[in-house]
N, C-alpha and C. Protein backbone atom coordinates (compact mmCIF):
# COMPACT_ATOMS: atom_id res chain seq x y z
N UNK A 1 8.31 28.90 38.52
CA UNK A 1 8.81 27.59 38.20
C UNK A 1 7.87 26.94 37.18
N UNK A 2 8.42 26.31 36.12
CA UNK A 2 7.56 25.68 35.12
C UNK A 2 6.79 24.51 35.72
N UNK A 3 5.62 24.27 35.17
CA UNK A 3 4.85 23.12 35.62
C UNK A 3 5.53 21.84 35.16
N UNK A 4 5.22 20.76 35.85
CA UNK A 4 5.85 19.48 35.52
C UNK A 4 5.58 19.07 34.08
N UNK A 5 4.42 19.40 33.53
CA UNK A 5 4.07 18.98 32.18
C UNK A 5 4.84 19.74 31.11
N UNK A 6 5.50 20.85 31.47
CA UNK A 6 6.22 21.60 30.45
C UNK A 6 7.73 21.51 30.62
N UNK A 7 8.20 20.64 31.49
CA UNK A 7 9.63 20.54 31.72
C UNK A 7 10.32 19.82 30.56
N UNK A 8 11.51 20.29 30.27
CA UNK A 8 12.35 19.69 29.23
C UNK A 8 13.47 18.92 29.94
N UNK A 9 13.76 17.74 29.42
CA UNK A 9 14.80 16.90 30.02
C UNK A 9 15.83 16.55 28.95
N UNK A 10 17.10 16.70 29.27
CA UNK A 10 18.19 16.29 28.38
C UNK A 10 18.82 15.06 29.03
N UNK A 11 18.97 13.99 28.23
CA UNK A 11 19.47 12.73 28.77
C UNK A 11 20.28 12.00 27.72
N UNK A 12 21.09 11.03 28.13
CA UNK A 12 21.84 10.23 27.17
C UNK A 12 20.88 9.42 26.28
N UNK A 13 21.22 9.29 25.02
CA UNK A 13 20.43 8.48 24.09
C UNK A 13 20.64 7.00 24.38
N UNK A 14 19.60 6.22 24.15
CA UNK A 14 19.68 4.77 24.28
C UNK A 14 19.25 4.16 22.94
N UNK A 15 19.53 2.90 22.80
CA UNK A 15 19.14 2.19 21.58
C UNK A 15 17.63 2.24 21.39
N UNK A 16 16.87 2.29 22.47
CA UNK A 16 15.41 2.37 22.39
C UNK A 16 14.93 3.69 21.79
N UNK A 17 15.78 4.70 21.73
CA UNK A 17 15.42 5.99 21.14
C UNK A 17 15.56 6.00 19.62
N UNK A 18 16.16 4.97 19.06
CA UNK A 18 16.48 4.95 17.63
C UNK A 18 15.26 5.13 16.73
N UNK A 19 14.16 4.48 17.05
CA UNK A 19 12.98 4.56 16.18
C UNK A 19 12.43 5.98 16.12
N UNK A 20 12.18 6.58 17.27
CA UNK A 20 11.62 7.94 17.28
C UNK A 20 12.60 8.93 16.64
N UNK A 21 13.87 8.84 17.00
CA UNK A 21 14.86 9.77 16.47
C UNK A 21 15.11 9.54 14.99
N UNK A 22 15.08 8.29 14.55
CA UNK A 22 15.28 8.00 13.13
C UNK A 22 14.21 8.62 12.27
N UNK A 23 12.97 8.54 12.72
CA UNK A 23 11.88 9.13 11.94
C UNK A 23 11.93 10.66 11.96
N UNK A 24 12.32 11.23 13.10
CA UNK A 24 12.51 12.69 13.18
C UNK A 24 13.63 13.10 12.22
N UNK A 25 14.73 12.38 12.24
CA UNK A 25 15.88 12.67 11.38
C UNK A 25 15.48 12.60 9.90
N UNK A 26 14.79 11.54 9.53
CA UNK A 26 14.39 11.39 8.13
C UNK A 26 13.47 12.52 7.69
N UNK A 27 12.46 12.83 8.50
CA UNK A 27 11.52 13.91 8.14
C UNK A 27 12.24 15.24 8.01
N UNK A 28 13.11 15.54 8.96
CA UNK A 28 13.81 16.83 8.94
C UNK A 28 14.70 16.96 7.72
N UNK A 29 15.53 15.96 7.47
CA UNK A 29 16.48 16.08 6.36
C UNK A 29 15.82 15.89 5.00
N UNK A 30 14.81 15.05 4.89
CA UNK A 30 14.15 14.92 3.59
C UNK A 30 13.38 16.19 3.24
N UNK A 31 12.80 16.84 4.24
CA UNK A 31 12.11 18.12 4.01
C UNK A 31 13.11 19.20 3.60
N UNK A 32 14.23 19.27 4.30
CA UNK A 32 15.26 20.26 3.96
C UNK A 32 15.81 20.01 2.57
N UNK A 33 16.14 18.76 2.27
CA UNK A 33 16.69 18.44 0.94
C UNK A 33 15.68 18.77 -0.15
N UNK A 34 14.43 18.42 0.05
CA UNK A 34 13.39 18.69 -0.96
C UNK A 34 13.22 20.19 -1.18
N UNK A 35 13.34 20.98 -0.12
CA UNK A 35 13.16 22.43 -0.27
C UNK A 35 14.27 23.06 -1.09
N UNK A 36 15.41 22.37 -1.20
CA UNK A 36 16.53 22.86 -1.99
C UNK A 36 16.76 22.04 -3.26
N UNK A 37 15.78 21.19 -3.56
CA UNK A 37 15.86 20.32 -4.75
C UNK A 37 17.08 19.41 -4.74
N UNK A 38 17.46 18.94 -3.56
CA UNK A 38 18.54 17.97 -3.43
C UNK A 38 17.93 16.59 -3.26
N UNK A 39 18.62 15.54 -3.70
CA UNK A 39 18.12 14.19 -3.43
C UNK A 39 18.24 13.88 -1.94
N UNK A 40 17.40 13.00 -1.48
CA UNK A 40 17.42 12.61 -0.07
C UNK A 40 18.69 11.81 0.23
N UNK A 41 19.26 12.03 1.40
CA UNK A 41 20.44 11.27 1.82
C UNK A 41 20.06 9.83 2.20
N UNK A 42 18.84 9.65 2.64
CA UNK A 42 18.37 8.35 3.09
C UNK A 42 17.12 7.97 2.31
N UNK A 43 16.97 6.69 1.95
CA UNK A 43 15.82 6.30 1.14
C UNK A 43 14.48 6.33 1.88
N UNK A 44 14.51 6.11 3.20
CA UNK A 44 13.26 6.10 3.97
C UNK A 44 13.57 6.21 5.47
N UNK A 45 12.50 6.29 6.25
CA UNK A 45 12.66 6.42 7.70
C UNK A 45 13.36 5.24 8.34
N UNK A 46 13.14 4.04 7.81
CA UNK A 46 13.78 2.86 8.38
C UNK A 46 15.30 2.90 8.21
N UNK A 47 15.77 3.46 7.12
CA UNK A 47 17.22 3.62 6.94
C UNK A 47 17.79 4.57 7.99
N UNK A 48 17.05 5.62 8.29
CA UNK A 48 17.49 6.56 9.33
C UNK A 48 17.49 5.90 10.70
N UNK A 49 16.49 5.05 10.96
CA UNK A 49 16.44 4.30 12.22
C UNK A 49 17.68 3.41 12.34
N UNK A 50 18.02 2.72 11.26
CA UNK A 50 19.22 1.87 11.26
C UNK A 50 20.48 2.66 11.50
N UNK A 51 20.59 3.81 10.85
CA UNK A 51 21.77 4.66 11.02
C UNK A 51 21.91 5.12 12.47
N UNK A 52 20.80 5.59 13.05
CA UNK A 52 20.87 6.08 14.43
C UNK A 52 21.05 4.93 15.41
N UNK A 53 20.52 3.76 15.12
CA UNK A 53 20.77 2.59 15.98
C UNK A 53 22.26 2.32 16.04
N UNK A 54 22.90 2.40 14.89
CA UNK A 54 24.35 2.20 14.84
C UNK A 54 25.07 3.29 15.63
N UNK A 55 24.68 4.53 15.43
CA UNK A 55 25.33 5.64 16.13
C UNK A 55 25.13 5.55 17.64
N UNK A 56 23.91 5.25 18.07
CA UNK A 56 23.61 5.22 19.50
C UNK A 56 24.30 4.06 20.21
N UNK A 57 24.74 3.06 19.47
CA UNK A 57 25.42 1.92 20.10
C UNK A 57 26.93 1.92 19.85
N UNK A 58 27.45 2.99 19.28
CA UNK A 58 28.89 3.08 19.01
C UNK A 58 29.64 3.63 20.22
N UNK A 59 30.58 2.84 20.77
CA UNK A 59 31.37 3.35 21.89
C UNK A 59 32.16 4.60 21.48
N UNK A 60 32.24 5.57 22.37
CA UNK A 60 32.98 6.79 22.10
C UNK A 60 32.15 7.86 21.41
N UNK A 61 30.94 7.52 20.99
CA UNK A 61 30.05 8.50 20.36
C UNK A 61 28.96 8.82 21.39
N UNK A 62 28.99 10.02 21.91
CA UNK A 62 28.06 10.43 22.95
C UNK A 62 26.86 11.12 22.31
N UNK A 63 25.67 10.58 22.57
CA UNK A 63 24.43 11.11 21.98
C UNK A 63 23.51 11.54 23.10
N UNK A 64 22.86 12.69 22.92
CA UNK A 64 21.88 13.16 23.91
C UNK A 64 20.52 13.32 23.24
N UNK A 65 19.49 13.20 24.07
CA UNK A 65 18.10 13.32 23.65
C UNK A 65 17.47 14.46 24.42
N UNK A 66 16.62 15.22 23.76
CA UNK A 66 15.83 16.25 24.42
C UNK A 66 14.39 15.76 24.44
N UNK A 67 13.85 15.58 25.65
CA UNK A 67 12.46 15.15 25.83
C UNK A 67 11.64 16.28 26.42
N UNK A 68 10.41 16.41 25.96
CA UNK A 68 9.46 17.33 26.57
C UNK A 68 8.12 16.62 26.58
N UNK A 69 7.52 16.54 27.73
CA UNK A 69 6.23 15.86 27.88
C UNK A 69 6.28 14.44 27.32
N UNK A 70 7.39 13.74 27.59
CA UNK A 70 7.61 12.35 27.17
C UNK A 70 7.72 12.18 25.67
N UNK A 71 7.89 13.26 24.91
CA UNK A 71 8.11 13.18 23.47
C UNK A 71 9.57 13.52 23.18
N UNK A 72 10.20 12.75 22.32
CA UNK A 72 11.57 13.05 21.93
C UNK A 72 11.56 14.18 20.91
N UNK A 73 12.26 15.25 21.21
CA UNK A 73 12.28 16.43 20.35
C UNK A 73 13.49 16.47 19.44
N UNK A 74 14.64 16.01 19.90
CA UNK A 74 15.82 16.05 19.06
C UNK A 74 16.92 15.17 19.63
N UNK A 75 17.93 14.95 18.81
CA UNK A 75 19.08 14.16 19.23
C UNK A 75 20.34 14.86 18.75
N UNK A 76 21.40 14.73 19.48
CA UNK A 76 22.67 15.35 19.10
C UNK A 76 23.78 14.36 19.44
N UNK A 77 24.73 14.20 18.52
CA UNK A 77 25.85 13.29 18.73
C UNK A 77 27.15 14.06 18.79
N UNK A 78 28.07 13.55 19.60
CA UNK A 78 29.39 14.13 19.69
C UNK A 78 30.40 12.99 19.83
N UNK A 79 31.38 12.95 18.94
CA UNK A 79 32.41 11.92 19.02
C UNK A 79 33.43 12.36 20.05
N UNK A 80 33.55 11.60 21.13
CA UNK A 80 34.47 11.96 22.21
C UNK A 80 35.92 11.80 21.82
N UNK A 81 36.21 11.10 20.71
CA UNK A 81 37.60 10.89 20.32
C UNK A 81 38.18 12.04 19.52
N UNK A 82 37.38 13.02 19.15
CA UNK A 82 37.90 14.14 18.36
C UNK A 82 38.60 15.13 19.21
């Protein structure tokens, strides 16, 4: 059985997750875009925070967070209306 410090938890996203997830999103996509010489989709991390704040508070859009050792590792959204 894994130790408590190495457990991974999947949970619904909350508006409070927007800051951490927004910065993760910005870093991931700006790095990917730069590696392919594409312009960034978002001007900065704060724009990504705003985008995810909107997504996490949209009814019908289900978002999950993956936490490990109290750190947010990723976020995933699924529109329940599709």
